[in-house]
Amino acid sequence: MISDKLFALVLVVLILSGCGVNKEAEVKNIAPKPSTSTVVSPEITEGTSKVTVEDTRKTNVQDSNTLDQFIKKIQPPNEQLQKVLKEDLDRDGKPEYVLAFGLEKGGIDNIFVVREDDGYHIIGKLEDPVMVAHLNTDMKIMKLDQTEQKFIVVYSTSEVDEAEGFSIFTVDHNRISNLNYNYPEATGQGSRKLEDINKDGVFEDVSYYRFQDTQKHTIITYQKFDSTGPEKTKVLYENKNKKFVYPTDPKDIIQNYLEDHYLRNRFFIHLPEMAEFIALSASPKNNFESIIDFSAMDYTGLDLNVKEIAYEANQRVFLVKSSSEEEESNQGLVFTLEKQSGMWKIMNIEMNDKL
């Protein structure tokens, strides 16, 4: 009986020992080999979202989506995104985004410069330097000289398209500066443009002044885009002949002469045609501004009242005053003209300041 119990006990021990060996073998089979490494995908943080990078294509899509989210966050009330420009403006190896918003399509009311450093953030807003009513209609990133620097250029116009101008901005790390601007603020008429007028790879700040005068003059003044260097001037004739045409009517000669007098004094330019009108040894030094109102020259043209007061065969005398002067007033300029070689010439100019 005792031997039967002993045999049963030995059998149980052997069975339990065999099970223990099998479990250890199973554990060893599932455990990783010491030489095997685990690969973890990197993450890029943009704003508040985390993205697993799988390839360049997916990264670009996520960049766009994240910028879209940021744009919606900073979008001014009732304004729509009009334009997005991307460029390394400060040449630090990282791109900036220039975002333009506007209330109406084609109009720009707010411009922000955004950088991506561990998330998108605004580094500044472009402050509009133009002080009169106008519309900002477009913006570009441009090279304006032969260096690698790039500038933000904002284009402006008036509501009735009688004026146009521009503003130039620079970005230097977190500082945005208005380098220069030009817009016809005084008159609300005229063109101010950025042009490489000399075709030398350097842009100029170019102003066009178009006059409704006898010769249809256009005066062009220009200077380097950053307002450095000398200012230069060109004179164009926008009449059908595209050159100076000597008037045949004595009244037109007087009108032309006074118009040229105004242009010469305003732009400090030499107009050779003025000497053709005068048959005197020296040009008169009269202060015509005390008698004639030249303010309309920038708009509709010089408005004169020219009245003939004496006439002989080859000589005519005229009293000239502004049309705004009272009709009965005798205050004005007295021009004496004489016909020489078939052309009327100004022989004398006197000031009549008596009322």
Protein backbone atom coordinates (compact mmCIF):
# COMPACT_ATOMS: atom_id res chain seq x y z
CA MET A 1 0.00 0.00 0.00
CA ILE A 2 2.81 2.39 0.96
CA SER A 3 4.64 1.61 -2.31
CA ASP A 4 1.53 2.49 -4.33
CA LYS A 5 1.30 5.95 -2.67
CA LEU A 6 5.00 6.62 -3.23
CA PHE A 7 4.68 5.76 -6.93
CA ALA A 8 1.78 8.18 -7.36
CA LEU A 9 3.70 11.06 -5.70
CA VAL A 10 6.72 10.57 -8.00
CA LEU A 11 4.44 10.61 -11.05
CA VAL A 12 2.88 13.96 -10.04
CA VAL A 13 6.30 15.59 -9.55
CA LEU A 14 7.46 14.49 -13.00
CA ILE A 15 4.34 15.86 -14.68
CA LEU A 16 4.69 19.27 -12.96
CA SER A 17 8.38 19.51 -13.90
CA GLY A 18 7.61 18.89 -17.59
CA CYS A 19 5.00 21.68 -17.74
CA GLY A 20 7.47 24.25 -16.30
CA VAL A 21 10.02 23.61 -19.04
CA ASN A 22 7.47 24.09 -21.81
CA LYS A 23 6.28 27.51 -20.48
CA GLU A 24 9.88 28.84 -20.33
CA ALA A 25 10.43 27.77 -23.90
CA GLU A 26 7.32 29.66 -25.03
CA VAL A 27 8.44 32.90 -23.32
CA LYS A 28 11.85 32.71 -24.95
CA ASN A 29 10.26 32.34 -28.38
CA ILE A 30 8.21 35.63 -28.08
CA ALA A 31 10.90 37.85 -26.58
CA PRO A 32 12.69 40.13 -29.13
CA LYS A 33 16.27 39.39 -30.05
CA PRO A 34 18.74 41.81 -28.44
CA SER A 35 19.98 42.96 -31.88
CA THR A 36 16.50 44.02 -33.16
CA SER A 37 15.74 47.87 -33.03
CA THR A 38 12.25 49.55 -32.87
CA VAL A 39 11.56 52.32 -35.55
CA VAL A 40 9.50 55.38 -34.40
CA SER A 41 8.20 57.96 -36.97
CA PRO A 42 9.34 61.58 -36.22
CA GLU A 43 6.77 64.34 -35.51
CA ILE A 44 6.63 67.94 -36.72
CA THR A 45 4.77 70.48 -34.58
CA GLU A 46 3.00 73.26 -36.46
CA GLY A 47 0.66 75.42 -34.46
CA THR A 48 -1.35 73.08 -32.23
CA SER A 49 -1.43 69.94 -34.43
CA LYS A 50 1.04 67.04 -34.55
CA VAL A 51 1.75 65.30 -37.82
CA THR A 52 3.51 62.00 -38.52
CA VAL A 53 5.87 62.53 -41.46
CA GLU A 54 5.63 59.78 -44.09
CA ASP A 55 6.84 61.57 -47.20
CA THR A 56 7.45 65.08 -48.59
CA ARG A 57 4.12 65.21 -50.37
CA LYS A 58 2.16 64.67 -47.17
CA THR A 59 4.31 67.21 -45.34
CA ASN A 60 3.47 69.90 -47.92
CA VAL A 61 -0.24 69.16 -47.62
CA GLN A 62 -0.06 69.46 -43.86
CA ASP A 63 1.90 72.72 -44.10
CA SER A 64 -0.88 74.19 -46.23
CA ASN A 65 -3.61 72.99 -43.92
CA THR A 66 -1.87 74.41 -40.88
CA LEU A 67 -1.38 77.79 -42.59
CA ASP A 68 -5.04 77.75 -43.56
CA GLN A 69 -5.97 77.28 -39.92
CA PHE A 70 -3.72 80.18 -38.90
CA ILE A 71 -5.18 82.41 -41.61
CA LYS A 72 -8.70 81.77 -40.34
CA LYS A 73 -7.54 82.60 -36.82
CA ILE A 74 -6.11 86.04 -37.73
CA GLN A 75 -8.60 86.96 -40.48
CA PRO A 76 -10.12 90.41 -39.75
CA PRO A 77 -13.92 90.51 -39.40
CA ASN A 78 -15.83 90.61 -42.71
CA GLU A 79 -12.61 90.51 -44.72
CA GLN A 80 -11.55 87.84 -47.19
CA LEU A 81 -8.09 86.54 -48.00
CA GLN A 82 -7.02 88.26 -51.22
CA LYS A 83 -3.44 87.13 -51.75
CA VAL A 84 -0.67 85.04 -50.14
CA LEU A 85 3.01 85.54 -51.04
CA LYS A 86 5.85 83.37 -49.74
CA GLU A 87 9.46 84.56 -49.79
CA ASP A 88 12.58 84.72 -47.64
CA LEU A 89 12.44 88.49 -47.29
CA ASP A 90 15.18 88.95 -44.70
CA ARG A 91 17.48 86.30 -46.22
CA ASP A 92 17.82 84.26 -43.06
CA GLY A 93 17.00 80.97 -44.75
CA LYS A 94 13.40 80.88 -43.51
CA PRO A 95 10.44 82.00 -45.61
CA GLU A 96 7.94 84.66 -44.62
CA TYR A 97 4.29 84.69 -45.68
CA VAL A 98 2.66 87.97 -46.68
CA LEU A 99 -1.11 87.78 -46.23
CA ALA A 100 -3.45 90.38 -47.75
CA PHE A 101 -7.07 90.70 -46.59
CA GLY A 102 -9.84 92.92 -47.93
CA LEU A 103 -13.52 93.68 -47.56
CA GLU A 104 -14.14 93.45 -51.30
CA LYS A 105 -12.61 91.40 -54.07
CA GLY A 106 -9.63 93.18 -55.55
CA GLY A 107 -9.23 95.48 -52.54
CA ILE A 108 -6.61 95.21 -49.80
CA ASP A 109 -7.34 96.63 -46.35
CA ASN A 110 -4.90 94.73 -44.10
CA ILE A 111 -1.52 93.12 -44.77
CA PHE A 112 0.28 90.89 -42.26
CA VAL A 113 3.74 89.34 -42.41
CA VAL A 114 3.86 85.87 -40.86
CA ARG A 115 6.76 83.61 -39.95
CA GLU A 116 6.83 79.91 -39.03
CA ASP A 117 8.99 79.27 -35.94
CA ASP A 118 7.57 76.37 -33.92
CA GLY A 119 4.17 77.45 -35.17
CA TYR A 120 2.96 80.37 -37.26
CA HIS A 121 2.94 83.85 -35.74
CA ILE A 122 2.56 87.45 -36.92
CA ILE A 123 5.80 89.44 -36.94
CA GLY A 124 4.13 92.67 -38.03
CA LYS A 125 1.51 94.54 -40.02
CA LEU A 126 2.16 96.87 -42.94
CA GLU A 127 1.09 100.38 -41.94
CA ASP A 128 -0.33 102.30 -44.90
CA PRO A 129 1.63 105.57 -45.28
CA VAL A 130 -0.81 107.23 -47.72
CA MET A 131 -2.79 109.87 -45.84
CA VAL A 132 -5.64 110.53 -48.29
CA ALA A 133 -8.55 108.36 -49.46
CA HIS A 134 -7.37 105.63 -51.82
CA LEU A 135 -7.65 101.92 -52.63
CA ASN A 136 -4.86 99.37 -52.29
CA THR A 137 -5.38 97.03 -55.23
CA ASP A 138 -2.37 94.72 -55.42
CA MET A 139 0.89 93.70 -53.79
CA LYS A 140 4.04 92.06 -55.13
CA ILE A 141 7.43 90.90 -53.92
CA MET A 142 10.09 92.46 -56.15
CA LYS A 143 13.81 92.86 -56.63
CA LEU A 144 14.41 96.56 -57.28
CA ASP A 145 18.15 96.62 -57.86
CA GLN A 146 21.01 94.26 -58.68
CA THR A 147 21.31 92.89 -55.14
CA GLU A 148 19.44 89.86 -53.80
CA GLN A 149 17.23 91.91 -51.49
CA LYS A 150 13.49 91.60 -52.05
CA PHE A 151 10.84 94.18 -51.18
CA ILE A 152 7.09 94.17 -50.61
CA VAL A 153 5.42 96.61 -53.01
CA VAL A 154 1.80 97.68 -52.49
CA TYR A 155 0.00 99.40 -55.39
CA SER A 156 -2.68 102.04 -54.83
CA THR A 157 -5.23 103.90 -56.91
CA SER A 158 -8.11 106.30 -56.44
CA GLU A 159 -11.76 105.31 -56.67
CA VAL A 160 -12.13 107.06 -60.03
CA ASP A 161 -8.74 105.94 -61.40
CA GLU A 162 -7.35 109.46 -61.62
CA ALA A 163 -4.42 108.67 -59.34
CA GLU A 164 -2.03 105.77 -58.86
CA GLY A 165 0.92 105.17 -56.60
CA PHE A 166 2.88 102.65 -54.58
CA SER A 167 4.49 101.91 -51.22
CA ILE A 168 7.73 99.94 -50.62
CA PHE A 169 8.32 97.91 -47.45
CA THR A 170 11.31 95.99 -46.13
CA VAL A 171 11.42 93.12 -43.62
CA ASP A 172 14.46 92.79 -41.34
CA HIS A 173 13.87 89.91 -38.89
CA ASN A 174 10.96 91.18 -36.76
CA ARG A 175 11.05 94.76 -38.02
CA ILE A 176 8.91 96.00 -40.92
CA SER A 177 9.75 99.41 -42.37
CA ASN A 178 8.23 101.66 -45.00
CA LEU A 179 11.21 102.44 -47.21
CA ASN A 180 9.41 104.86 -49.52
CA TYR A 181 6.01 105.72 -50.94
CA ASN A 182 4.69 107.99 -53.66
CA TYR A 183 1.07 108.93 -54.25
CA PRO A 184 -0.44 112.18 -55.59
CA GLU A 185 -1.84 113.23 -52.22
CA ALA A 186 -1.90 116.96 -52.94
CA THR A 187 -4.00 116.88 -56.11
CA GLY A 188 -5.53 113.38 -56.20
CA GLN A 189 -4.48 113.17 -59.86
CA GLY A 190 -1.44 111.75 -61.60
CA SER A 191 0.72 108.66 -61.86
CA ARG A 192 3.49 107.58 -59.51
CA LYS A 193 5.21 104.41 -60.69
CA LEU A 194 8.09 102.05 -60.01
CA GLU A 195 9.97 101.71 -63.28
CA ASP A 196 13.45 100.87 -64.48
CA ILE A 197 13.41 104.00 -66.58
CA ASN A 198 17.14 103.80 -67.43
CA LYS A 199 17.07 100.05 -68.20
CA ASP A 200 20.06 99.50 -65.89
CA GLY A 201 18.55 96.95 -63.51
CA VAL A 202 17.75 99.57 -60.84
CA PHE A 203 14.17 100.78 -60.41
CA GLU A 204 13.25 104.43 -60.07
CA ASP A 205 10.47 106.25 -58.27
CA VAL A 206 8.87 107.93 -61.29
CA SER A 207 6.30 110.74 -61.17
CA TYR A 208 4.23 111.71 -64.21
CA TYR A 209 2.67 115.19 -64.27
CA ARG A 210 0.31 115.60 -67.24
CA PHE A 211 -0.94 119.09 -68.04
CA GLN A 212 -3.86 120.32 -70.10
CA ASP A 213 -1.81 123.16 -71.52
CA THR A 214 -1.20 124.41 -75.04
CA GLN A 215 1.62 121.93 -75.81
CA LYS A 216 0.11 119.07 -73.76
CA HIS A 217 3.24 118.80 -71.65
CA THR A 218 4.05 115.79 -69.50
CA ILE A 219 6.80 116.38 -66.96
CA ILE A 220 8.56 113.25 -65.67
CA THR A 221 10.65 113.39 -62.52
CA TYR A 222 12.52 110.32 -61.30
CA GLN A 223 14.91 109.24 -58.58
CA LYS A 224 16.25 105.92 -57.27
CA PHE A 225 13.47 103.84 -55.64
CA ASP A 226 14.81 104.47 -52.11
CA SER A 227 14.85 108.29 -52.61
CA THR A 228 18.64 108.45 -52.72
CA GLY A 229 20.68 110.09 -55.44
CA PRO A 230 19.83 113.07 -57.65
CA GLU A 231 16.35 113.73 -59.03
CA LYS A 232 16.20 114.01 -62.80
CA THR A 233 13.58 115.44 -65.15
CA LYS A 234 12.28 114.78 -68.65
CA VAL A 235 9.86 116.86 -70.71
CA LEU A 236 7.46 115.18 -73.15
CA TYR A 237 5.05 116.69 -75.65
CA GLU A 238 1.80 114.75 -75.81
CA ASN A 239 0.29 116.79 -78.66
CA LYS A 240 -0.31 115.07 -82.00
CA ASN A 241 3.11 116.21 -83.30
CA LYS A 242 4.96 114.93 -80.19
CA LYS A 243 7.10 118.07 -80.26
CA PHE A 244 6.90 121.80 -79.68
CA VAL A 245 4.60 123.57 -82.14
CA TYR A 246 4.76 127.37 -82.35
CA PRO A 247 1.24 128.86 -81.96
CA THR A 248 -0.10 131.11 -84.68
CA ASP A 249 -2.65 133.05 -82.61
CA PRO A 250 -1.22 135.86 -80.39
CA LYS A 251 -3.55 134.86 -77.54
CA ASP A 252 -2.24 131.28 -77.67
CA ILE A 253 1.33 132.58 -77.54
CA ILE A 254 0.54 134.50 -74.34
CA GLN A 255 -1.20 131.44 -72.86
CA ASN A 256 1.71 129.16 -73.81
CA TYR A 257 4.27 131.55 -72.38
CA LEU A 258 2.56 131.82 -68.99
CA GLU A 259 2.07 128.05 -68.83
CA ASP A 260 5.78 127.52 -69.46
CA HIS A 261 6.60 130.15 -66.85
CA TYR A 262 4.68 128.11 -64.27
CA LEU A 263 6.30 124.79 -65.29
CA ARG A 264 9.78 126.28 -65.24
CA ASN A 265 9.39 127.66 -61.74
CA ARG A 266 7.67 124.58 -60.34
CA PHE A 267 10.04 121.93 -61.68
CA PHE A 268 13.20 124.05 -62.03
CA ILE A 269 13.49 123.04 -65.67
CA HIS A 270 14.73 124.81 -68.76
CA LEU A 271 12.19 125.11 -71.56
CA PRO A 272 13.98 126.39 -74.69
CA GLU A 273 10.64 127.26 -76.29
CA MET A 274 10.22 130.18 -73.89
CA ALA A 275 13.04 132.04 -75.59
CA GLU A 276 11.32 131.64 -78.96
CA PHE A 277 8.35 133.66 -77.74
CA ILE A 278 10.42 136.63 -76.64
CA ALA A 279 11.97 139.22 -78.99
CA LEU A 280 13.82 140.95 -76.16
CA SER A 281 17.47 140.87 -75.21
CA ALA A 282 16.58 139.57 -71.74
CA SER A 283 13.56 137.69 -70.40
CA PRO A 284 11.32 139.67 -68.07
CA LYS A 285 11.77 139.04 -64.33
CA ASN A 286 8.20 139.79 -63.36
CA ASN A 287 6.49 137.99 -60.50
CA PHE A 288 3.48 136.83 -62.44
CA GLU A 289 2.12 134.82 -59.47
CA SER A 290 1.03 138.03 -57.78
CA ILE A 291 -1.30 138.74 -60.72
CA ILE A 292 -2.18 135.36 -62.27
CA ASP A 293 -3.77 132.43 -60.43
CA PHE A 294 -1.87 129.32 -61.60
CA SER A 295 -3.64 126.84 -59.29
CA ALA A 296 -5.80 125.39 -62.09
CA MET A 297 -2.71 124.21 -63.98
CA ASP A 298 -2.78 120.92 -62.05
CA TYR A 299 -6.39 120.25 -62.96
CA THR A 300 -8.22 121.72 -65.97
CA GLY A 301 -5.45 124.02 -67.19
CA LEU A 302 -4.62 127.69 -66.88
CA ASP A 303 -7.82 129.74 -67.13
CA LEU A 304 -7.08 133.22 -68.51
CA ASN A 305 -9.07 136.20 -69.62
CA VAL A 306 -7.15 137.71 -72.54
CA LYS A 307 -8.59 141.00 -73.79
CA GLU A 308 -7.19 142.95 -76.72
CA ILE A 309 -6.86 146.65 -75.81
CA ALA A 310 -4.84 148.06 -78.74
CA TYR A 311 -4.25 147.09 -82.36
CA GLU A 312 -2.00 148.34 -85.14
CA ALA A 313 -0.88 146.72 -88.38
CA ASN A 314 1.90 144.56 -86.95
CA GLN A 315 1.43 145.24 -83.25
CA ARG A 316 -1.21 144.11 -80.76
CA VAL A 317 -1.65 144.80 -77.04
CA PHE A 318 -3.54 142.55 -74.60
CA LEU A 319 -4.65 142.84 -70.99
CA VAL A 320 -4.27 139.39 -69.37
CA LYS A 321 -5.75 138.35 -66.06
CA SER A 322 -7.20 135.29 -64.39
CA SER A 323 -10.78 134.43 -65.32
CA SER A 324 -11.64 134.58 -61.64
CA GLU A 325 -10.88 138.33 -61.57
CA GLU A 326 -13.79 140.73 -61.82
CA GLU A 327 -14.61 141.65 -65.40
CA GLU A 328 -14.40 145.39 -64.80
CA SER A 329 -11.00 145.15 -63.10
CA ASN A 330 -7.98 146.45 -65.04
CA GLN A 331 -5.49 144.65 -62.82
CA GLY A 332 -3.41 142.24 -64.84
CA LEU A 333 -0.48 141.83 -67.22
CA VAL A 334 -0.15 143.93 -70.35
CA PHE A 335 1.47 142.02 -73.24
CA THR A 336 2.68 143.79 -76.36
CA LEU A 337 3.24 141.54 -79.36
CA GLU A 338 4.79 142.35 -82.74
CA LYS A 339 4.79 140.32 -85.93
CA GLN A 340 8.28 139.49 -87.17
CA SER A 341 9.03 137.25 -90.14
CA GLY A 342 5.46 136.05 -90.11
CA MET A 343 5.47 135.08 -86.40
CA TRP A 344 4.07 136.96 -83.42
CA LYS A 345 6.68 137.73 -80.77
CA ILE A 346 6.34 139.14 -77.24
CA MET A 347 8.01 142.56 -77.22
CA ASN A 348 7.07 143.72 -73.74
CA ILE A 349 5.33 142.58 -70.52
CA GLU A 350 4.18 145.13 -67.96
CA MET A 351 2.31 144.72 -64.72
CA ASN A 352 -0.84 146.76 -64.35
CA ASP A 353 -1.73 146.64 -60.67
CA LYS A 354 -4.30 149.43 -60.83
CA LEU A 355 -7.89 148.38 -60.13
